[in-house]
Full PDB file with SEQRES, HELIX, SHEET, SSBOND, CRYST1, ORIGX, SCALE, CONECT and MASTER records, all heavy atoms in Angstrom:
SEQRES   1 A   40  ALA VAL ARG LEU LEU CYS ALA THR THR GLN ALA ASN ARG          
SEQRES   2 A   40  PHE GLU THR VAL THR ALA MET LEU ASP CYS GLN GLY TYR          
SEQRES   3 A   40  THR PHE THR ALA ARG GLY LYS THR ILE LEU GLN SER GLY          
SEQRES   4 A   40  TRP                                                          
HELIX    1 AA1 VAL A    2  THR A    8  1                                   7    
SHEET    1 AA1 2 ARG A  13  CYS A  23  0                                        
SHEET    2 AA1 2 TYR A  26  GLN A  37 -1                                        
CRYST1    1.000    1.000    1.000  90.00  90.00  90.00 P 1           1          
ORIGX1      1.000000  0.000000  0.000000        0.00000                         
ORIGX2      0.000000  1.000000  0.000000        0.00000                         
ORIGX3      0.000000  0.000000  1.000000        0.00000                         
SCALE1      1.000000  0.000000  0.000000        0.00000                         
SCALE2      0.000000  1.000000  0.000000        0.00000                         
SCALE3      0.000000  0.000000  1.000000        0.00000                         
ATOM      1  N   ALA A   1     -24.819  -0.163  25.627  1.00  0.00           N  
ATOM      2  CA  ALA A   1     -25.689  -0.578  24.523  1.00  0.00           C  
ATOM      3  C   ALA A   1     -25.350   0.180  23.246  1.00  0.00           C  
ATOM      4  O   ALA A   1     -25.283  -0.420  22.158  1.00  0.00           O  
ATOM      5  CB  ALA A   1     -27.150  -0.360  24.907  1.00  0.00           C  
ATOM      6  N   VAL A   2     -25.124   1.481  23.355  1.00  0.00           N  
ATOM      7  CA  VAL A   2     -24.768   2.284  22.176  1.00  0.00           C  
ATOM      8  C   VAL A   2     -23.473   1.783  21.567  1.00  0.00           C  
ATOM      9  O   VAL A   2     -23.364   1.599  20.347  1.00  0.00           O  
ATOM     10  CB  VAL A   2     -24.652   3.789  22.544  1.00  0.00           C  
ATOM     11  CG1 VAL A   2     -24.006   4.575  21.428  1.00  0.00           C  
ATOM     12  CG2 VAL A   2     -26.009   4.360  22.879  1.00  0.00           C  
ATOM     13  N   ARG A   3     -22.464   1.532  22.390  1.00  0.00           N  
ATOM     14  CA  ARG A   3     -21.166   1.071  21.883  1.00  0.00           C  
ATOM     15  C   ARG A   3     -21.275  -0.302  21.229  1.00  0.00           C  
ATOM     16  O   ARG A   3     -20.616  -0.569  20.241  1.00  0.00           O  
ATOM     17  CB  ARG A   3     -20.124   1.057  22.990  1.00  0.00           C  
ATOM     18  CG  ARG A   3     -19.727   2.424  23.436  1.00  0.00           C  
ATOM     19  CD  ARG A   3     -19.023   3.186  22.313  1.00  0.00           C  
ATOM     20  NE  ARG A   3     -19.263   4.593  22.470  1.00  0.00           N  
ATOM     21  CZ  ARG A   3     -19.591   5.423  21.494  1.00  0.00           C  
ATOM     22  NH1 ARG A   3     -19.725   4.995  20.274  1.00  0.00           N  
ATOM     23  NH2 ARG A   3     -19.787   6.692  21.726  1.00  0.00           N  
ATOM     24  N   LEU A   4     -22.107  -1.174  21.789  1.00  0.00           N  
ATOM     25  CA  LEU A   4     -22.296  -2.488  21.173  1.00  0.00           C  
ATOM     26  C   LEU A   4     -22.926  -2.339  19.791  1.00  0.00           C  
ATOM     27  O   LEU A   4     -22.491  -2.978  18.822  1.00  0.00           O  
ATOM     28  CB  LEU A   4     -23.156  -3.387  22.065  1.00  0.00           C  
ATOM     29  CG  LEU A   4     -23.465  -4.786  21.522  1.00  0.00           C  
ATOM     30  CD1 LEU A   4     -22.175  -5.578  21.299  1.00  0.00           C  
ATOM     31  CD2 LEU A   4     -24.403  -5.528  22.454  1.00  0.00           C  
ATOM     32  N   LEU A   5     -23.936  -1.491  19.686  1.00  0.00           N  
ATOM     33  CA  LEU A   5     -24.568  -1.278  18.378  1.00  0.00           C  
ATOM     34  C   LEU A   5     -23.595  -0.621  17.403  1.00  0.00           C  
ATOM     35  O   LEU A   5     -23.538  -1.000  16.231  1.00  0.00           O  
ATOM     36  CB  LEU A   5     -25.830  -0.432  18.522  1.00  0.00           C  
ATOM     37  CG  LEU A   5     -27.019  -1.130  19.165  1.00  0.00           C  
ATOM     38  CD1 LEU A   5     -28.215  -0.188  19.220  1.00  0.00           C  
ATOM     39  CD2 LEU A   5     -27.387  -2.392  18.420  1.00  0.00           C  
ATOM     40  N   CYS A   6     -22.838   0.368  17.862  1.00  0.00           N  
ATOM     41  CA  CYS A   6     -21.866   1.031  16.978  1.00  0.00           C  
ATOM     42  C   CYS A   6     -20.826   0.035  16.465  1.00  0.00           C  
ATOM     43  O   CYS A   6     -20.419   0.098  15.305  1.00  0.00           O  
ATOM     44  CB  CYS A   6     -21.163   2.176  17.712  1.00  0.00           C  
ATOM     45  SG  CYS A   6     -22.177   3.636  17.942  1.00  0.00           S  
ATOM     46  N   ALA A   7     -20.409  -0.880  17.328  1.00  0.00           N  
ATOM     47  CA  ALA A   7     -19.373  -1.841  16.950  1.00  0.00           C  
ATOM     48  C   ALA A   7     -19.870  -2.899  15.971  1.00  0.00           C  
ATOM     49  O   ALA A   7     -19.070  -3.501  15.250  1.00  0.00           O  
ATOM     50  CB  ALA A   7     -18.824  -2.521  18.202  1.00  0.00           C  
ATOM     51  N   THR A   8     -21.178  -3.116  15.917  1.00  0.00           N  
ATOM     52  CA  THR A   8     -21.692  -4.202  15.080  1.00  0.00           C  
ATOM     53  C   THR A   8     -22.533  -3.737  13.904  1.00  0.00           C  
ATOM     54  O   THR A   8     -23.004  -4.566  13.128  1.00  0.00           O  
ATOM     55  CB  THR A   8     -22.540  -5.172  15.930  1.00  0.00           C  
ATOM     56  OG1 THR A   8     -23.595  -4.453  16.562  1.00  0.00           O  
ATOM     57  CG2 THR A   8     -21.682  -5.879  16.968  1.00  0.00           C  
ATOM     58  N   THR A   9     -22.748  -2.442  13.763  1.00  0.00           N  
ATOM     59  CA  THR A   9     -23.533  -1.969  12.625  1.00  0.00           C  
ATOM     60  C   THR A   9     -22.591  -1.645  11.467  1.00  0.00           C  
ATOM     61  O   THR A   9     -21.376  -1.789  11.559  1.00  0.00           O  
ATOM     62  CB  THR A   9     -24.415  -0.766  13.029  1.00  0.00           C  
ATOM     63  OG1 THR A   9     -25.410  -0.571  12.023  1.00  0.00           O  
ATOM     64  CG2 THR A   9     -23.606   0.498  13.191  1.00  0.00           C  
ATOM     65  N   GLN A  10     -23.146  -1.201  10.370  1.00  0.00           N  
ATOM     66  CA  GLN A  10     -22.370  -0.938   9.170  1.00  0.00           C  
ATOM     67  C   GLN A  10     -21.328   0.150   9.409  1.00  0.00           C  
ATOM     68  O   GLN A  10     -21.464   0.985  10.298  1.00  0.00           O  
ATOM     69  CB  GLN A  10     -23.290  -0.492   8.031  1.00  0.00           C  
ATOM     70  CG  GLN A  10     -24.270  -1.544   7.606  1.00  0.00           C  
ATOM     71  CD  GLN A  10     -25.225  -1.020   6.549  1.00  0.00           C  
ATOM     72  OE1 GLN A  10     -25.378   0.176   6.365  1.00  0.00           O  
ATOM     73  NE2 GLN A  10     -25.882  -1.931   5.855  1.00  0.00           N  
ATOM     74  N   ALA A  11     -20.312   0.145   8.574  1.00  0.00           N  
ATOM     75  CA  ALA A  11     -19.256   1.155   8.662  1.00  0.00           C  
ATOM     76  C   ALA A  11     -19.788   2.504   8.194  1.00  0.00           C  
ATOM     77  O   ALA A  11     -20.746   2.580   7.423  1.00  0.00           O  
ATOM     78  CB  ALA A  11     -18.071   0.739   7.796  1.00  0.00           C  
ATOM     79  N   ASN A  12     -19.161   3.547   8.670  1.00  0.00           N  
ATOM     80  CA  ASN A  12     -19.459   4.899   8.205  1.00  0.00           C  
ATOM     81  C   ASN A  12     -18.566   5.147   6.994  1.00  0.00           C  
ATOM     82  O   ASN A  12     -17.342   5.100   7.100  1.00  0.00           O  
ATOM     83  CB  ASN A  12     -19.165   5.915   9.317  1.00  0.00           C  
ATOM     84  CG  ASN A  12     -19.298   7.338   8.850  1.00  0.00           C  
ATOM     85  OD1 ASN A  12     -18.312   8.012   8.579  1.00  0.00           O  
ATOM     86  ND2 ASN A  12     -20.510   7.802   8.750  1.00  0.00           N  
ATOM     87  N   ARG A  13     -19.188   5.362   5.841  1.00  0.00           N  
ATOM     88  CA  ARG A  13     -18.413   5.586   4.614  1.00  0.00           C  
ATOM     89  C   ARG A  13     -18.699   6.968   4.076  1.00  0.00           C  
ATOM     90  O   ARG A  13     -19.853   7.400   4.045  1.00  0.00           O  
ATOM     91  CB  ARG A  13     -18.780   4.533   3.565  1.00  0.00           C  
ATOM     92  CG  ARG A  13     -18.347   3.150   3.949  1.00  0.00           C  
ATOM     93  CD  ARG A  13     -18.604   2.132   2.842  1.00  0.00           C  
ATOM     94  NE  ARG A  13     -18.766   2.754   1.553  1.00  0.00           N  
ATOM     95  CZ  ARG A  13     -19.699   2.434   0.658  1.00  0.00           C  
ATOM     96  NH1 ARG A  13     -20.551   1.496   0.911  1.00  0.00           N  
ATOM     97  NH2 ARG A  13     -19.790   3.049  -0.492  1.00  0.00           N  
ATOM     98  N   PHE A  14     -17.633   7.653   3.657  1.00  0.00           N  
ATOM     99  CA  PHE A  14     -17.805   8.984   3.104  1.00  0.00           C  
ATOM    100  C   PHE A  14     -16.744   9.235   2.040  1.00  0.00           C  
ATOM    101  O   PHE A  14     -15.740   8.524   1.962  1.00  0.00           O  
ATOM    102  CB  PHE A  14     -17.732  10.053   4.206  1.00  0.00           C  
ATOM    103  CG  PHE A  14     -16.445  10.042   4.984  1.00  0.00           C  
ATOM    104  CD1 PHE A  14     -15.347  10.794   4.572  1.00  0.00           C  
ATOM    105  CD2 PHE A  14     -16.332   9.278   6.126  1.00  0.00           C  
ATOM    106  CE1 PHE A  14     -14.169  10.767   5.284  1.00  0.00           C  
ATOM    107  CE2 PHE A  14     -15.162   9.255   6.847  1.00  0.00           C  
ATOM    108  CZ  PHE A  14     -14.076  10.007   6.431  1.00  0.00           C  
ATOM    109  N   GLU A  15     -17.003  10.217   1.244  1.00  0.00           N  
ATOM    110  CA  GLU A  15     -16.076  10.632   0.186  1.00  0.00           C  
ATOM    111  C   GLU A  15     -15.576  12.022   0.540  1.00  0.00           C  
ATOM    112  O   GLU A  15     -16.382  12.924   0.798  1.00  0.00           O  
ATOM    113  CB  GLU A  15     -16.817  10.654  -1.152  1.00  0.00           C  
ATOM    114  CG  GLU A  15     -15.977  11.082  -2.315  1.00  0.00           C  
ATOM    115  CD  GLU A  15     -16.795  11.064  -3.600  1.00  0.00           C  
ATOM    116  OE1 GLU A  15     -17.746  11.876  -3.709  1.00  0.00           O  
ATOM    117  OE2 GLU A  15     -16.489  10.237  -4.463  1.00  0.00           O  
ATOM    118  N   THR A  16     -14.265  12.192   0.602  1.00  0.00           N  
ATOM    119  CA  THR A  16     -13.678  13.486   0.920  1.00  0.00           C  
ATOM    120  C   THR A  16     -13.350  14.211  -0.379  1.00  0.00           C  
ATOM    121  O   THR A  16     -12.801  13.623  -1.311  1.00  0.00           O  
ATOM    122  CB  THR A  16     -12.394  13.310   1.746  1.00  0.00           C  
ATOM    123  OG1 THR A  16     -12.718  12.574   2.914  1.00  0.00           O  
ATOM    124  CG2 THR A  16     -11.817  14.647   2.141  1.00  0.00           C  
ATOM    125  N   VAL A  17     -13.707  15.495  -0.425  1.00  0.00           N  
ATOM    126  CA  VAL A  17     -13.471  16.305  -1.619  1.00  0.00           C  
ATOM    127  C   VAL A  17     -12.624  17.512  -1.228  1.00  0.00           C  
ATOM    128  O   VAL A  17     -12.904  18.181  -0.237  1.00  0.00           O  
ATOM    129  CB  VAL A  17     -14.809  16.799  -2.229  1.00  0.00           C  
ATOM    130  CG1 VAL A  17     -14.564  17.702  -3.416  1.00  0.00           C  
ATOM    131  CG2 VAL A  17     -15.675  15.619  -2.618  1.00  0.00           C  
ATOM    132  N   THR A  18     -11.578  17.761  -2.004  1.00  0.00           N  
ATOM    133  CA  THR A  18     -10.784  18.979  -1.862  1.00  0.00           C  
ATOM    134  C   THR A  18     -10.820  19.684  -3.201  1.00  0.00           C  
ATOM    135  O   THR A  18     -10.430  19.121  -4.220  1.00  0.00           O  
ATOM    136  CB  THR A  18      -9.328  18.665  -1.471  1.00  0.00           C  
ATOM    137  OG1 THR A  18      -9.329  17.930  -0.253  1.00  0.00           O  
ATOM    138  CG2 THR A  18      -8.525  19.946  -1.297  1.00  0.00           C  
ATOM    139  N   ALA A  19     -11.315  20.910  -3.216  1.00  0.00           N  
ATOM    140  CA  ALA A  19     -11.423  21.683  -4.456  1.00  0.00           C  
ATOM    141  C   ALA A  19     -10.447  22.850  -4.399  1.00  0.00           C  
ATOM    142  O   ALA A  19     -10.406  23.592  -3.419  1.00  0.00           O  
ATOM    143  CB  ALA A  19     -12.841  22.192  -4.634  1.00  0.00           C  
ATOM    144  N   MET A  20      -9.646  22.989  -5.436  1.00  0.00           N  
ATOM    145  CA  MET A  20      -8.739  24.123  -5.572  1.00  0.00           C  
ATOM    146  C   MET A  20      -9.373  25.065  -6.595  1.00  0.00           C  
ATOM    147  O   MET A  20      -9.562  24.694  -7.749  1.00  0.00           O  
ATOM    148  CB  MET A  20      -7.366  23.663  -6.062  1.00  0.00           C  
ATOM    149  CG  MET A  20      -6.746  22.562  -5.209  1.00  0.00           C  
ATOM    150  SD  MET A  20      -6.259  23.114  -3.594  1.00  0.00           S  
ATOM    151  CE  MET A  20      -4.795  24.004  -3.965  1.00  0.00           C  
ATOM    152  N   LEU A  21      -9.728  26.265  -6.169  1.00  0.00           N  
ATOM    153  CA  LEU A  21     -10.417  27.223  -7.019  1.00  0.00           C  
ATOM    154  C   LEU A  21      -9.505  28.421  -7.282  1.00  0.00           C  
ATOM    155  O   LEU A  21      -8.976  29.014  -6.346  1.00  0.00           O  
ATOM    156  CB  LEU A  21     -11.714  27.680  -6.344  1.00  0.00           C  
ATOM    157  CG  LEU A  21     -12.646  26.550  -5.896  1.00  0.00           C  
ATOM    158  CD1 LEU A  21     -13.723  27.088  -4.985  1.00  0.00           C  
ATOM    159  CD2 LEU A  21     -13.247  25.852  -7.091  1.00  0.00           C  
ATOM    160  N   ASP A  22      -9.318  28.752  -8.553  1.00  0.00           N  
ATOM    161  CA  ASP A  22      -8.497  29.905  -8.933  1.00  0.00           C  
ATOM    162  C   ASP A  22      -9.403  31.060  -9.303  1.00  0.00           C  
ATOM    163  O   ASP A  22     -10.355  30.908 -10.076  1.00  0.00           O  
ATOM    164  CB  ASP A  22      -7.606  29.552 -10.137  1.00  0.00           C  
ATOM    165  CG  ASP A  22      -6.540  28.544  -9.766  1.00  0.00           C  
ATOM    166  OD1 ASP A  22      -5.962  28.701  -8.677  1.00  0.00           O  
ATOM    167  OD2 ASP A  22      -6.298  27.612 -10.552  1.00  0.00           O  
ATOM    168  N   CYS A  23      -9.110  32.224  -8.757  1.00  0.00           N  
ATOM    169  CA  CYS A  23      -9.895  33.417  -9.040  1.00  0.00           C  
ATOM    170  C   CYS A  23      -8.957  34.616  -9.086  1.00  0.00           C  
ATOM    171  O   CYS A  23      -8.370  34.996  -8.068  1.00  0.00           O  
ATOM    172  CB  CYS A  23     -10.968  33.605  -7.969  1.00  0.00           C  
ATOM    173  SG  CYS A  23     -12.016  35.047  -8.242  1.00  0.00           S  
ATOM    174  N   GLN A  24      -8.793  35.182 -10.260  1.00  0.00           N  
ATOM    175  CA  GLN A  24      -7.982  36.362 -10.490  1.00  0.00           C  
ATOM    176  C   GLN A  24      -6.615  36.267  -9.829  1.00  0.00           C  
ATOM    177  O   GLN A  24      -6.161  37.169  -9.127  1.00  0.00           O  
ATOM    178  CB  GLN A  24      -8.719  37.617 -10.026  1.00  0.00           C  
ATOM    179  CG  GLN A  24      -9.970  37.859 -10.818  1.00  0.00           C  
ATOM    180  CD  GLN A  24     -10.571  39.229 -10.573  1.00  0.00           C  
ATOM    181  OE1 GLN A  24     -10.037  40.039  -9.820  1.00  0.00           O  
ATOM    182  NE2 GLN A  24     -11.681  39.492 -11.236  1.00  0.00           N  
ATOM    183  N   GLY A  25      -5.947  35.159 -10.047  1.00  0.00           N  
ATOM    184  CA  GLY A  25      -4.595  34.993  -9.547  1.00  0.00           C  
ATOM    185  C   GLY A  25      -4.496  34.456  -8.126  1.00  0.00           C  
ATOM    186  O   GLY A  25      -3.395  34.221  -7.636  1.00  0.00           O  
ATOM    187  N   TYR A  26      -5.584  34.282  -7.453  1.00  0.00           N  
ATOM    188  CA  TYR A  26      -5.578  33.736  -6.089  1.00  0.00           C  
ATOM    189  C   TYR A  26      -6.149  32.311  -6.118  1.00  0.00           C  
ATOM    190  O   TYR A  26      -7.074  32.025  -6.872  1.00  0.00           O  
ATOM    191  CB  TYR A  26      -6.437  34.589  -5.145  1.00  0.00           C  
ATOM    192  CG  TYR A  26      -5.877  35.974  -4.922  1.00  0.00           C  
ATOM    193  CD1 TYR A  26      -6.356  37.046  -5.658  1.00  0.00           C  
ATOM    194  CD2 TYR A  26      -4.869  36.183  -3.990  1.00  0.00           C  
ATOM    195  CE1 TYR A  26      -5.853  38.327  -5.463  1.00  0.00           C  
ATOM    196  CE2 TYR A  26      -4.355  37.456  -3.787  1.00  0.00           C  
ATOM    197  CZ  TYR A  26      -4.841  38.528  -4.525  1.00  0.00           C  
ATOM    198  OH  TYR A  26      -4.331  39.773  -4.327  1.00  0.00           O  
ATOM    199  N   THR A  27      -5.568  31.462  -5.298  1.00  0.00           N  
ATOM    200  CA  THR A  27      -6.048  30.088  -5.206  1.00  0.00           C  
ATOM    201  C   THR A  27      -6.740  29.903  -3.859  1.00  0.00           C  
ATOM    202  O   THR A  27      -6.173  30.212  -2.810  1.00  0.00           O  
ATOM    203  CB  THR A  27      -4.891  29.083  -5.328  1.00  0.00           C  
ATOM    204  OG1 THR A  27      -4.233  29.302  -6.580  1.00  0.00           O  
ATOM    205  CG2 THR A  27      -5.385  27.651  -5.255  1.00  0.00           C  
ATOM    206  N   PHE A  28      -7.966  29.409  -3.921  1.00  0.00           N  
ATOM    207  CA  PHE A  28      -8.747  29.138  -2.730  1.00  0.00           C  
ATOM    208  C   PHE A  28      -8.955  27.628  -2.621  1.00  0.00           C  
ATOM    209  O   PHE A  28      -9.088  26.944  -3.632  1.00  0.00           O  
ATOM    210  CB  PHE A  28     -10.114  29.841  -2.800  1.00  0.00           C  
ATOM    211  CG  PHE A  28     -10.004  31.330  -2.880  1.00  0.00           C  
ATOM    212  CD1 PHE A  28      -9.972  31.978  -4.108  1.00  0.00           C  
ATOM    213  CD2 PHE A  28      -9.938  32.083  -1.720  1.00  0.00           C  
ATOM    214  CE1 PHE A  28      -9.873  33.357  -4.175  1.00  0.00           C  
ATOM    215  CE2 PHE A  28      -9.839  33.461  -1.776  1.00  0.00           C  
ATOM    216  CZ  PHE A  28      -9.799  34.103  -3.009  1.00  0.00           C  
ATOM    217  N   THR A  29      -8.989  27.144  -1.416  1.00  0.00           N  
ATOM    218  CA  THR A  29      -9.186  25.719  -1.184  1.00  0.00           C  
ATOM    219  C   THR A  29     -10.476  25.512  -0.403  1.00  0.00           C  
ATOM    220  O   THR A  29     -10.727  26.204   0.587  1.00  0.00           O  
ATOM    221  CB  THR A  29      -8.010  25.133  -0.366  1.00  0.00           C  
ATOM    222  OG1 THR A  29      -6.791  25.404  -1.061  1.00  0.00           O  
ATOM    223  CG2 THR A  29      -8.160  23.638  -0.185  1.00  0.00           C  
ATOM    224  N   ALA A  30     -11.274  24.573  -0.864  1.00  0.00           N  
ATOM    225  CA  ALA A  30     -12.509  24.216  -0.162  1.00  0.00           C  
ATOM    226  C   ALA A  30     -12.469  22.715   0.098  1.00  0.00           C  
ATOM    227  O   ALA A  30     -12.093  21.937  -0.776  1.00  0.00           O  
ATOM    228  CB  ALA A  30     -13.722  24.580  -1.004  1.00  0.00           C  
ATOM    229  N   ARG A  31     -12.826  22.333   1.309  1.00  0.00           N  
ATOM    230  CA  ARG A  31     -12.852  20.913   1.666  1.00  0.00           C  
ATOM    231  C   ARG A  31     -14.238  20.549   2.183  1.00  0.00           C  
ATOM    232  O   ARG A  31     -14.880  21.336   2.857  1.00  0.00           O  
ATOM    233  CB  ARG A  31     -11.820  20.614   2.750  1.00  0.00           C  
ATOM    234  CG  ARG A  31     -10.399  20.704   2.266  1.00  0.00           C  
ATOM    235  CD  ARG A  31      -9.416  20.308   3.368  1.00  0.00           C  
ATOM    236  NE  ARG A  31      -8.063  20.413   2.901  1.00  0.00           N  
ATOM    237  CZ  ARG A  31      -7.318  21.509   2.956  1.00  0.00           C  
ATOM    238  NH1 ARG A  31      -7.817  22.607   3.469  1.00  0.00           N  
ATOM    239  NH2 ARG A  31      -6.086  21.509   2.508  1.00  0.00           N  
ATOM    240  N   GLY A  32     -14.641  19.353   1.884  1.00  0.00           N  
ATOM    241  CA  GLY A  32     -15.935  18.872   2.364  1.00  0.00           C  
ATOM    242  C   GLY A  32     -16.004  17.371   2.190  1.00  0.00           C  
ATOM    243  O   GLY A  32     -15.088  16.750   1.670  1.00  0.00           O  
ATOM    244  N   LYS A  33     -17.085  16.807   2.663  1.00  0.00           N  
ATOM    245  CA  LYS A  33     -17.256  15.372   2.463  1.00  0.00           C  
ATOM    246  C   LYS A  33     -18.716  15.055   2.228  1.00  0.00           C  
ATOM    247  O   LYS A  33     -19.604  15.775   2.681  1.00  0.00           O  
ATOM    248  CB  LYS A  33     -16.689  14.563   3.615  1.00  0.00           C  
ATOM    249  CG  LYS A  33     -17.358  14.713   4.947  1.00  0.00           C  
ATOM    250  CD  LYS A  33     -16.633  13.836   5.953  1.00  0.00           C  
ATOM    251  CE  LYS A  33     -17.175  14.010   7.337  1.00  0.00           C  
ATOM    252  NZ  LYS A  33     -16.486  13.182   8.306  1.00  0.00           N  
ATOM    253  N   THR A  34     -18.918  13.987   1.508  1.00  0.00           N  
ATOM    254  CA  THR A  34     -20.250  13.502   1.204  1.00  0.00           C  
ATOM    255  C   THR A  34     -20.409  12.156   1.895  1.00  0.00           C  
ATOM    256  O   THR A  34     -19.587  11.255   1.706  1.00  0.00           O  
ATOM    257  CB  THR A  34     -20.430  13.336  -0.325  1.00  0.00           C  
ATOM    258  OG1 THR A  34     -20.168  14.584  -0.953  1.00  0.00           O  
ATOM    259  CG2 THR A  34     -21.827  12.859  -0.656  1.00  0.00           C  
ATOM    260  N   ILE A  35     -21.435  12.024   2.704  1.00  0.00           N  
ATOM    261  CA  ILE A  35     -21.694  10.770   3.407  1.00  0.00           C  
ATOM    262  C   ILE A  35     -22.306   9.787   2.413  1.00  0.00           C  
ATOM    263  O   ILE A  35     -23.338  10.063   1.805  1.00  0.00           O  
ATOM    264  CB  ILE A  35     -22.661  10.985   4.595  1.00  0.00           C  
ATOM    265  CG1 ILE A  35     -22.114  12.026   5.567  1.00  0.00           C  
ATOM    266  CG2 ILE A  35     -22.958   9.659   5.290  1.00  0.00           C  
ATOM    267  CD1 ILE A  35     -20.835  11.654   6.247  1.00  0.00           C  
ATOM    268  N   LEU A  36     -21.664   8.654   2.248  1.00  0.00           N  
ATOM    269  CA  LEU A  36     -22.172   7.605   1.373  1.00  0.00           C  
ATOM    270  C   LEU A  36     -23.023   6.605   2.150  1.00  0.00           C  
ATOM    271  O   LEU A  36     -23.984   6.054   1.627  1.00  0.00           O  
ATOM    272  CB  LEU A  36     -21.009   6.880   0.694  1.00  0.00           C  
ATOM    273  CG  LEU A  36     -20.058   7.766  -0.121  1.00  0.00           C  
ATOM    274  CD1 LEU A  36     -18.881   6.953  -0.632  1.00  0.00           C  
ATOM    275  CD2 LEU A  36     -20.798   8.433  -1.272  1.00  0.00           C  
ATOM    276  N   GLN A  37     -22.632   6.364   3.413  1.00  0.00           N  
ATOM    277  CA  GLN A  37     -23.363   5.438   4.285  1.00  0.00           C  
ATOM    278  C   GLN A  37     -23.119   5.877   5.722  1.00  0.00           C  
ATOM    279  O   GLN A  37     -21.996   5.896   6.188  1.00  0.00           O  
ATOM    280  CB  GLN A  37     -22.831   4.023   4.066  1.00  0.00           C  
ATOM    281  CG  GLN A  37     -23.412   2.980   4.973  1.00  0.00           C  
ATOM    282  CD  GLN A  37     -22.833   1.613   4.650  1.00  0.00           C  
ATOM    283  OE1 GLN A  37     -22.982   1.129   3.543  1.00  0.00           O  
ATOM    284  NE2 GLN A  37     -22.166   1.013   5.606  1.00  0.00           N  
ATOM    285  N   SER A  38     -24.175   6.252   6.433  1.00  0.00           N  
ATOM    286  CA  SER A  38     -24.034   6.771   7.797  1.00  0.00           C  
ATOM    287  C   SER A  38     -23.499   5.727   8.765  1.00  0.00           C  
ATOM    288  O   SER A  38     -22.694   6.033   9.636  1.00  0.00           O  
ATOM    289  CB  SER A  38     -25.375   7.290   8.307  1.00  0.00           C  
ATOM    290  OG  SER A  38     -25.786   8.380   7.558  1.00  0.00           O  
ATOM    291  N   GLY A  39     -23.971   4.509   8.655  1.00  0.00           N  
ATOM    292  CA  GLY A  39     -23.481   3.422   9.497  1.00  0.00           C  
ATOM    293  C   GLY A  39     -23.565   3.743  10.976  1.00  0.00           C  
ATOM    294  O   GLY A  39     -24.565   4.266  11.476  1.00  0.00           O  
ATOM    295  N   TRP A  40     -22.489   3.431  11.716  1.00  0.00           N  
ATOM    296  CA  TRP A  40     -22.473   3.594  13.164  1.00  0.00           C  
ATOM    297  C   TRP A  40     -22.613   5.046  13.594  1.00  0.00           C  
ATOM    298  O   TRP A  40     -23.082   5.326  14.700  1.00  0.00           O  
ATOM    299  CB  TRP A  40     -21.211   2.977  13.761  1.00  0.00           C  
ATOM    300  CG  TRP A  40     -19.946   3.637  13.321  1.00  0.00           C  
ATOM    301  CD1 TRP A  40     -19.181   3.303  12.239  1.00  0.00           C  
ATOM    302  CD2 TRP A  40     -19.297   4.742  13.943  1.00  0.00           C  
ATOM    303  NE1 TRP A  40     -18.104   4.142  12.144  1.00  0.00           N  
ATOM    304  CE2 TRP A  40     -18.147   5.035  13.191  1.00  0.00           C  
ATOM    305  CE3 TRP A  40     -19.579   5.518  15.058  1.00  0.00           C  
ATOM    306  CZ2 TRP A  40     -17.287   6.059  13.520  1.00  0.00           C  
ATOM    307  CZ3 TRP A  40     -18.710   6.556  15.378  1.00  0.00           C  
ATOM    308  CH2 TRP A  40     -17.578   6.809  14.619  1.00  0.00           C  
TER     309      TRP A  40                                                      
MASTER        0    0    0    1    2    0    0    6  308    1    0    4          
END                                                                             
């Protein structure tokens, strides 16, 4: 039942973000995502 609902409900949509942050000569990378639509 769960798989049937997952297969027929809305798609899971998200936005992926990669941030490059510079601090005193060092570069740091941060990754995350924002859910736009939870869907299945």
